[in-house]
């Protein structure tokens, strides 16, 4: 994996280079401090992954790392972009440029390995341009980190008090900044089972009527059954 480091702070570049040196199969092909150097290095380095700082000068007045990320995504052969920054508030704007991950400073070796593992897969821009199935991802904030979640790993979305929880196949749960209605409109492979929950159609195992008169869905990968409202029962039966 050929990696390019783009950060205007020398110490930050050196730290990333040291961390990358301990990861097998990774080669640092260039280190740059601004957008002009980044654009030049992309032509010669053949970088597959770019570790991109957000707070760095771009190639044009007013351009920052996110602007550079958008330019990278527009290339005929776009690299996988991993944003590296001290500021979590730029996450939504950054992911709009099809980044594969968003890592907060100070970067740990474990977190960097996770991001590179995600970058090793085909990113959404590359998938769309090669005709392969595009990745569908969501960004979820976990403390000071932002986690990229594959929609295919989601069993259900459950609305809470001002937030939406995504329940994942590995048993974990993450909080999203999107509304349940927006998720329903965006992903047709999820069906609403009651006012506050969407479930993945492909994860539905069976529908059962309990002795209490309540219909419940059982999902592959989830031990707890999901109640189906009377209003949505017909829709769920059609899915089955």
C-alpha atoms as a PDB file:
ATOM      1  CA  UNK A   1       0.000   0.000   0.000  1.00  0.00           C
ATOM      2  CA  UNK A   2       1.538   3.296  -1.126  1.00  0.00           C
ATOM      3  CA  UNK A   3       0.776   6.121   1.317  1.00  0.00           C
ATOM      4  CA  UNK A   4       1.234   9.872   0.931  1.00  0.00           C
ATOM      5  CA  UNK A   5       1.347  12.051   4.082  1.00  0.00           C
ATOM      6  CA  UNK A   6      -0.017  15.589   3.713  1.00  0.00           C
ATOM      7  CA  UNK A   7       0.347  17.805   6.797  1.00  0.00           C
ATOM      8  CA  UNK A   8       1.801  21.278   7.212  1.00  0.00           C
ATOM      9  CA  UNK A   9       3.328  20.368  10.617  1.00  0.00           C
ATOM     10  CA  UNK A  10       6.699  18.662  10.351  1.00  0.00           C
ATOM     11  CA  UNK A  11       6.343  16.856  13.682  1.00  0.00           C
ATOM     12  CA  UNK A  12       2.954  15.503  12.684  1.00  0.00           C
ATOM     13  CA  UNK A  13       4.387  14.155   9.420  1.00  0.00           C
ATOM     14  CA  UNK A  14       7.288  12.547  11.256  1.00  0.00           C
ATOM     15  CA  UNK A  15       4.967  10.909  13.801  1.00  0.00           C
ATOM     16  CA  UNK A  16       2.757   9.428  11.079  1.00  0.00           C
ATOM     17  CA  UNK A  17       5.816   8.191   9.197  1.00  0.00           C
ATOM     18  CA  UNK A  18       7.085   6.421  12.344  1.00  0.00           C
ATOM     19  CA  UNK A  19       3.712   4.750  12.913  1.00  0.00           C
ATOM     20  CA  UNK A  20       3.499   3.659   9.294  1.00  0.00           C
ATOM     21  CA  UNK A  21       7.006   2.197   9.413  1.00  0.00           C
ATOM     22  CA  UNK A  22       5.762  -0.436  11.856  1.00  0.00           C
ATOM     23  CA  UNK A  23       2.914  -1.594   9.586  1.00  0.00           C
ATOM     24  CA  UNK A  24       3.802  -4.386   7.175  1.00  0.00           C
ATOM     25  CA  UNK A  25       3.032  -3.780   3.531  1.00  0.00           C
ATOM     26  CA  UNK A  26       2.871   0.004   3.851  1.00  0.00           C
ATOM     27  CA  UNK A  27       5.268   2.293   1.953  1.00  0.00           C
ATOM     28  CA  UNK A  28       5.429   6.064   2.460  1.00  0.00           C
ATOM     29  CA  UNK A  29       5.925   7.391  -1.072  1.00  0.00           C
ATOM     30  CA  UNK A  30       5.800  11.136  -0.312  1.00  0.00           C
ATOM     31  CA  UNK A  31       5.452  13.732   2.439  1.00  0.00           C
ATOM     32  CA  UNK A  32       4.067  17.182   1.618  1.00  0.00           C
ATOM     33  CA  UNK A  33       3.188  20.331   3.572  1.00  0.00           C
ATOM     34  CA  UNK A  34       0.679  22.120   1.327  1.00  0.00           C
ATOM     35  CA  UNK A  35      -1.796  21.707  -1.500  1.00  0.00           C
ATOM     36  CA  UNK A  36       0.603  22.714  -4.266  1.00  0.00           C
ATOM     37  CA  UNK A  37       3.073  20.031  -3.239  1.00  0.00           C
ATOM     38  CA  UNK A  38       0.251  17.509  -2.844  1.00  0.00           C
ATOM     39  CA  UNK A  39      -0.982  18.033  -6.394  1.00  0.00           C
ATOM     40  CA  UNK A  40       2.547  17.653  -7.761  1.00  0.00           C
ATOM     41  CA  UNK A  41       3.266  14.564  -5.659  1.00  0.00           C
ATOM     42  CA  UNK A  42       0.067  12.808  -6.792  1.00  0.00           C
ATOM     43  CA  UNK A  43       1.324  12.852 -10.375  1.00  0.00           C
ATOM     44  CA  UNK A  44       4.583  11.104  -9.560  1.00  0.00           C
ATOM     45  CA  UNK A  45       4.010   9.061  -6.403  1.00  0.00           C
ATOM     46  CA  UNK A  46       1.131   6.788  -7.544  1.00  0.00           C
ATOM     47  CA  UNK A  47      -0.172   7.011  -3.980  1.00  0.00           C
ATOM     48  CA  UNK A  48      -3.059   4.677  -3.167  1.00  0.00           C
ATOM     49  CA  UNK A  49      -3.850   6.284   0.188  1.00  0.00           C
ATOM     50  CA  UNK A  50      -3.526   9.903   1.316  1.00  0.00           C
ATOM     51  CA  UNK A  51      -3.350  10.816   5.013  1.00  0.00           C
ATOM     52  CA  UNK A  52      -4.690  14.352   4.750  1.00  0.00           C
ATOM     53  CA  UNK A  53      -4.660  17.065   7.404  1.00  0.00           C
ATOM     54  CA  UNK A  54      -7.641  19.427   7.284  1.00  0.00           C
ATOM     55  CA  UNK A  55      -5.872  22.501   8.689  1.00  0.00           C
ATOM     56  CA  UNK A  56      -3.261  22.880   5.973  1.00  0.00           C
ATOM     57  CA  UNK A  57      -2.878  25.388   3.118  1.00  0.00           C
ATOM     58  CA  UNK A  58      -4.458  24.351  -0.146  1.00  0.00           C
ATOM     59  CA  UNK A  59      -3.340  25.023  -3.680  1.00  0.00           C
ATOM     60  CA  UNK A  60      -5.674  28.032  -3.997  1.00  0.00           C
ATOM     61  CA  UNK A  61      -6.652  30.889  -1.649  1.00  0.00           C
ATOM     62  CA  UNK A  62      -9.216  29.729   0.902  1.00  0.00           C
ATOM     63  CA  UNK A  63      -8.747  26.041   0.123  1.00  0.00           C
ATOM     64  CA  UNK A  64      -8.163  23.699   3.077  1.00  0.00           C
ATOM     65  CA  UNK A  65      -7.697  19.968   3.453  1.00  0.00           C
ATOM     66  CA  UNK A  66     -11.350  19.232   2.732  1.00  0.00           C
ATOM     67  CA  UNK A  67     -11.087  21.148  -0.530  1.00  0.00           C
ATOM     68  CA  UNK A  68      -8.028  19.096  -1.404  1.00  0.00           C
ATOM     69  CA  UNK A  69      -9.955  15.954  -0.527  1.00  0.00           C
ATOM     70  CA  UNK A  70     -12.672  16.944  -2.980  1.00  0.00           C
ATOM     71  CA  UNK A  71     -10.023  17.440  -5.662  1.00  0.00           C
ATOM     72  CA  UNK A  72      -8.526  14.009  -4.918  1.00  0.00           C
ATOM     73  CA  UNK A  73     -11.989  12.432  -5.232  1.00  0.00           C
ATOM     74  CA  UNK A  74     -12.360  13.991  -8.686  1.00  0.00           C
ATOM     75  CA  UNK A  75      -9.259  12.296 -10.106  1.00  0.00           C
ATOM     76  CA  UNK A  76      -9.608   9.569 -12.714  1.00  0.00           C
ATOM     77  CA  UNK A  77      -7.924   7.165 -10.275  1.00  0.00           C
ATOM     78  CA  UNK A  78      -8.758   8.653  -6.862  1.00  0.00           C
ATOM     79  CA  UNK A  79      -6.783   7.513  -3.834  1.00  0.00           C
ATOM     80  CA  UNK A  80      -8.465   6.477  -0.615  1.00  0.00           C
ATOM     81  CA  UNK A  81      -8.456   9.557   1.635  1.00  0.00           C
ATOM     82  CA  UNK A  82      -8.085   9.387   5.409  1.00  0.00           C
ATOM     83  CA  UNK A  83      -8.474  12.744   7.111  1.00  0.00           C
ATOM     84  CA  UNK A  84      -6.182  13.327  10.086  1.00  0.00           C
ATOM     85  CA  UNK A  85      -7.141  16.304  12.217  1.00  0.00           C
ATOM     86  CA  UNK A  86      -7.478  17.684  15.722  1.00  0.00           C
ATOM     87  CA  UNK A  87     -10.992  18.966  15.025  1.00  0.00           C
ATOM     88  CA  UNK A  88     -14.003  16.585  15.113  1.00  0.00           C
ATOM     89  CA  UNK A  89     -16.461  19.256  13.942  1.00  0.00           C
ATOM     90  CA  UNK A  90     -15.378  18.916  10.291  1.00  0.00           C
ATOM     91  CA  UNK A  91     -16.466  15.260  10.011  1.00  0.00           C
ATOM     92  CA  UNK A  92     -19.695  15.672   8.046  1.00  0.00           C
ATOM     93  CA  UNK A  93     -18.107  18.071   5.546  1.00  0.00           C
ATOM     94  CA  UNK A  94     -15.131  15.740   5.183  1.00  0.00           C
ATOM     95  CA  UNK A  95     -17.161  12.593   4.545  1.00  0.00           C
ATOM     96  CA  UNK A  96     -19.037  14.424   1.787  1.00  0.00           C
ATOM     97  CA  UNK A  97     -15.793  14.126  -0.229  1.00  0.00           C
ATOM     98  CA  UNK A  98     -16.012  10.290  -0.060  1.00  0.00           C
ATOM     99  CA  UNK A  99     -13.289   9.860   2.559  1.00  0.00           C
ATOM    100  CA  UNK A 100     -12.882   6.357   3.943  1.00  0.00           C
ATOM    101  CA  UNK A 101     -12.077   7.461   7.495  1.00  0.00           C
ATOM    102  CA  UNK A 102     -11.588  10.436   9.821  1.00  0.00           C
ATOM    103  CA  UNK A 103      -8.907  10.065  12.487  1.00  0.00           C
ATOM    104  CA  UNK A 104      -8.421  12.513  15.333  1.00  0.00           C
ATOM    105  CA  UNK A 105      -5.013  13.616  16.614  1.00  0.00           C
ATOM    106  CA  UNK A 106      -3.048  12.453  18.483  1.00  0.00           C
ATOM    107  CA  UNK A 107      -3.204   9.402  16.218  1.00  0.00           C
ATOM    108  CA  UNK A 108      -2.717   6.028  17.883  1.00  0.00           C
ATOM    109  CA  UNK A 109      -1.149   3.040  16.144  1.00  0.00           C
ATOM    110  CA  UNK A 110      -4.322   0.990  16.589  1.00  0.00           C
ATOM    111  CA  UNK A 111      -6.575   3.683  15.144  1.00  0.00           C
ATOM    112  CA  UNK A 112      -4.247   4.186  12.186  1.00  0.00           C
ATOM    113  CA  UNK A 113      -4.242   0.470  11.419  1.00  0.00           C
ATOM    114  CA  UNK A 114      -8.057   0.457  11.461  1.00  0.00           C
ATOM    115  CA  UNK A 115      -8.176   3.366   9.037  1.00  0.00           C
ATOM    116  CA  UNK A 116      -5.686   1.753   6.662  1.00  0.00           C
ATOM    117  CA  UNK A 117      -7.685  -1.481   6.743  1.00  0.00           C
ATOM    118  CA  UNK A 118     -10.730   0.495   5.591  1.00  0.00           C
ATOM    119  CA  UNK A 119      -8.637   2.234   2.934  1.00  0.00           C
ATOM    120  CA  UNK A 120      -7.483  -1.130   1.635  1.00  0.00           C
ATOM    121  CA  UNK A 121     -10.989  -1.763   0.358  1.00  0.00           C
ATOM    122  CA  UNK A 122     -12.273  -0.038  -2.745  1.00  0.00           C
ATOM    123  CA  UNK A 123     -13.631   3.377  -1.774  1.00  0.00           C
ATOM    124  CA  UNK A 124     -17.003   4.607  -2.944  1.00  0.00           C
ATOM    125  CA  UNK A 125     -15.694   6.796  -5.752  1.00  0.00           C
ATOM    126  CA  UNK A 126     -13.525   4.036  -7.192  1.00  0.00           C
ATOM    127  CA  UNK A 127     -16.379   1.528  -6.933  1.00  0.00           C
ATOM    128  CA  UNK A 128     -18.769   3.755  -8.817  1.00  0.00           C
ATOM    129  CA  UNK A 129     -16.266   4.340 -11.601  1.00  0.00           C
ATOM    130  CA  UNK A 130     -15.309   0.700 -12.033  1.00  0.00           C
ATOM    131  CA  UNK A 131     -18.885  -0.530 -12.120  1.00  0.00           C
ATOM    132  CA  UNK A 132     -18.577  -2.496  -8.897  1.00  0.00           C
ATOM    133  CA  UNK A 133     -21.026  -2.200  -6.052  1.00  0.00           C
ATOM    134  CA  UNK A 134     -20.564   1.137  -4.334  1.00  0.00           C
ATOM    135  CA  UNK A 135     -19.873   1.087  -0.642  1.00  0.00           C
ATOM    136  CA  UNK A 136     -22.534   2.662   1.496  1.00  0.00           C
ATOM    137  CA  UNK A 137     -21.263   4.121   4.707  1.00  0.00           C
ATOM    138  CA  UNK A 138     -22.388   6.206   7.651  1.00  0.00           C
ATOM    139  CA  UNK A 139     -20.270   8.235  10.037  1.00  0.00           C
ATOM    140  CA  UNK A 140     -20.847   7.812  13.770  1.00  0.00           C
ATOM    141  CA  UNK A 141     -19.179   9.802  16.511  1.00  0.00           C
ATOM    142  CA  UNK A 142     -17.641   7.824  19.392  1.00  0.00           C
ATOM    143  CA  UNK A 143     -16.164  10.172  21.971  1.00  0.00           C
ATOM    144  CA  UNK A 144     -13.368  12.016  20.186  1.00  0.00           C
ATOM    145  CA  UNK A 145     -13.337   9.557  17.295  1.00  0.00           C
ATOM    146  CA  UNK A 146     -15.499   9.219  14.209  1.00  0.00           C
ATOM    147  CA  UNK A 147     -16.262   5.665  13.149  1.00  0.00           C
ATOM    148  CA  UNK A 148     -17.167   4.673   9.602  1.00  0.00           C
ATOM    149  CA  UNK A 149     -20.014   2.134   9.564  1.00  0.00           C
ATOM    150  CA  UNK A 150     -20.910  -0.042   6.588  1.00  0.00           C
ATOM    151  CA  UNK A 151     -24.688  -0.029   6.064  1.00  0.00           C
ATOM    152  CA  UNK A 152     -24.488  -3.752   5.274  1.00  0.00           C
ATOM    153  CA  UNK A 153     -23.423  -4.342   8.884  1.00  0.00           C
ATOM    154  CA  UNK A 154     -26.516  -2.620  10.321  1.00  0.00           C
ATOM    155  CA  UNK A 155     -29.296  -4.836  11.688  1.00  0.00           C
ATOM    156  CA  UNK A 156     -31.623  -2.004  12.576  1.00  0.00           C
ATOM    157  CA  UNK A 157     -31.904   1.722  13.209  1.00  0.00           C
ATOM    158  CA  UNK A 158     -33.678   2.718  16.412  1.00  0.00           C
ATOM    159  CA  UNK A 159     -34.798   6.245  17.263  1.00  0.00           C
ATOM    160  CA  UNK A 160     -34.107   7.603  20.735  1.00  0.00           C
ATOM    161  CA  UNK A 161     -34.653  10.974  22.361  1.00  0.00           C
ATOM    162  CA  UNK A 162     -33.077  13.240  19.746  1.00  0.00           C
ATOM    163  CA  UNK A 163     -30.749  10.633  18.234  1.00  0.00           C
ATOM    164  CA  UNK A 164     -30.739   7.428  16.163  1.00  0.00           C
ATOM    165  CA  UNK A 165     -28.901   4.290  17.235  1.00  0.00           C
ATOM    166  CA  UNK A 166     -27.549   1.833  14.671  1.00  0.00           C
ATOM    167  CA  UNK A 167     -27.378  -1.738  15.990  1.00  0.00           C
ATOM    168  CA  UNK A 168     -24.572  -3.619  14.252  1.00  0.00           C
ATOM    169  CA  UNK A 169     -24.018  -7.273  13.446  1.00  0.00           C
ATOM    170  CA  UNK A 170     -21.006  -7.457  15.791  1.00  0.00           C
ATOM    171  CA  UNK A 171     -23.244  -6.577  18.744  1.00  0.00           C
ATOM    172  CA  UNK A 172     -22.086  -2.973  19.064  1.00  0.00           C
ATOM    173  CA  UNK A 173     -24.207   0.150  18.818  1.00  0.00           C
ATOM    174  CA  UNK A 174     -23.312   3.585  17.462  1.00  0.00           C
ATOM    175  CA  UNK A 175     -25.094   6.932  17.553  1.00  0.00           C
ATOM    176  CA  UNK A 176     -25.849   8.707  14.279  1.00  0.00           C
ATOM    177  CA  UNK A 177     -26.621  12.345  13.525  1.00  0.00           C
ATOM    178  CA  UNK A 178     -29.259  11.467  10.904  1.00  0.00           C
ATOM    179  CA  UNK A 179     -33.012  11.210  11.450  1.00  0.00           C
ATOM    180  CA  UNK A 180     -34.912   7.943  11.091  1.00  0.00           C
ATOM    181  CA  UNK A 181     -36.977   9.463   8.290  1.00  0.00           C
ATOM    182  CA  UNK A 182     -33.858  10.477   6.364  1.00  0.00           C
ATOM    183  CA  UNK A 183     -32.421   6.982   6.729  1.00  0.00           C
ATOM    184  CA  UNK A 184     -35.686   5.432   5.549  1.00  0.00           C
ATOM    185  CA  UNK A 185     -35.666   7.606   2.429  1.00  0.00           C
ATOM    186  CA  UNK A 186     -31.994   6.948   1.766  1.00  0.00           C
ATOM    187  CA  UNK A 187     -31.923   3.156   2.171  1.00  0.00           C
ATOM    188  CA  UNK A 188     -34.702   1.205   0.473  1.00  0.00           C
ATOM    189  CA  UNK A 189     -33.429  -2.092   1.890  1.00  0.00           C
ATOM    190  CA  UNK A 190     -34.718  -1.155   5.353  1.00  0.00           C
ATOM    191  CA  UNK A 191     -38.374  -1.438   6.374  1.00  0.00           C
ATOM    192  CA  UNK A 192     -40.153   0.429   9.164  1.00  0.00           C
ATOM    193  CA  UNK A 193     -41.600  -1.952  11.772  1.00  0.00           C
ATOM    194  CA  UNK A 194     -42.947   0.707  14.103  1.00  0.00           C
ATOM    195  CA  UNK A 195     -42.721   4.424  14.604  1.00  0.00           C
ATOM    196  CA  UNK A 196     -39.216   4.308  16.056  1.00  0.00           C
ATOM    197  CA  UNK A 197     -37.418   1.511  14.220  1.00  0.00           C
ATOM    198  CA  UNK A 198     -36.194   0.381  10.799  1.00  0.00           C
ATOM    199  CA  UNK A 199     -34.860  -3.135  10.234  1.00  0.00           C
ATOM    200  CA  UNK A 200     -32.732  -4.539   7.416  1.00  0.00           C
ATOM    201  CA  UNK A 201     -34.938  -6.561   5.080  1.00  0.00           C
ATOM    202  CA  UNK A 202     -32.138  -9.028   4.405  1.00  0.00           C
ATOM    203  CA  UNK A 203     -31.707  -9.727   8.116  1.00  0.00           C
ATOM    204  CA  UNK A 204     -35.317 -10.746   8.769  1.00  0.00           C
ATOM    205  CA  UNK A 205     -35.532 -14.384   9.837  1.00  0.00           C
ATOM    206  CA  UNK A 206     -39.169 -14.878  10.850  1.00  0.00           C
ATOM    207  CA  UNK A 207     -42.333 -13.185  12.111  1.00  0.00           C
ATOM    208  CA  UNK A 208     -44.098 -14.643  15.138  1.00  0.00           C
ATOM    209  CA  UNK A 209     -47.366 -13.887  16.882  1.00  0.00           C
ATOM    210  CA  UNK A 210     -46.917 -14.033  20.651  1.00  0.00           C
ATOM    211  CA  UNK A 211     -49.418 -15.232  23.241  1.00  0.00           C
ATOM    212  CA  UNK A 212     -49.883 -11.566  24.159  1.00  0.00           C
ATOM    213  CA  UNK A 213     -51.194 -10.811  20.671  1.00  0.00           C
ATOM    214  CA  UNK A 214     -48.070  -8.886  19.629  1.00  0.00           C
ATOM    215  CA  UNK A 215     -46.240  -9.704  16.399  1.00  0.00           C
ATOM    216  CA  UNK A 216     -42.469  -9.814  16.689  1.00  0.00           C
ATOM    217  CA  UNK A 217     -39.680 -10.031  14.147  1.00  0.00           C
ATOM    218  CA  UNK A 218     -36.553 -12.084  14.682  1.00  0.00           C
ATOM    219  CA  UNK A 219     -33.407 -10.860  12.953  1.00  0.00           C
ATOM    220  CA  UNK A 220     -30.311 -12.863  12.121  1.00  0.00           C
ATOM    221  CA  UNK A 221     -27.555 -11.679  14.416  1.00  0.00           C
ATOM    222  CA  UNK A 222     -29.853 -10.130  17.042  1.00  0.00           C
ATOM    223  CA  UNK A 223     -31.047 -12.081  20.065  1.00  0.00           C
ATOM    224  CA  UNK A 224     -33.776  -9.621  21.037  1.00  0.00           C
ATOM    225  CA  UNK A 225     -36.966  -9.768  18.972  1.00  0.00           C
ATOM    226  CA  UNK A 226     -38.418  -6.562  17.527  1.00  0.00           C
ATOM    227  CA  UNK A 227     -42.081  -5.648  17.985  1.00  0.00           C
ATOM    228  CA  UNK A 228     -44.127  -4.866  14.873  1.00  0.00           C
ATOM    229  CA  UNK A 229     -46.905  -2.309  15.164  1.00  0.00           C
ATOM    230  CA  UNK A 230     -50.350  -3.152  13.813  1.00  0.00           C
ATOM    231  CA  UNK A 231     -50.038  -0.277  11.381  1.00  0.00           C
ATOM    232  CA  UNK A 232     -46.847  -1.699   9.858  1.00  0.00           C
ATOM    233  CA  UNK A 233     -47.798  -5.372  10.024  1.00  0.00           C
ATOM    234  CA  UNK A 234     -49.124  -5.475   6.465  1.00  0.00           C
ATOM    235  CA  UNK A 235     -45.944  -3.871   5.111  1.00  0.00           C
ATOM    236  CA  UNK A 236     -43.745  -6.365   6.989  1.00  0.00           C
ATOM    237  CA  UNK A 237     -45.816  -9.314   5.728  1.00  0.00           C
ATOM    238  CA  UNK A 238     -45.385  -8.065   2.168  1.00  0.00           C
ATOM    239  CA  UNK A 239     -41.626  -7.979   2.688  1.00  0.00           C
ATOM    240  CA  UNK A 240     -41.730 -11.585   3.902  1.00  0.00           C
END
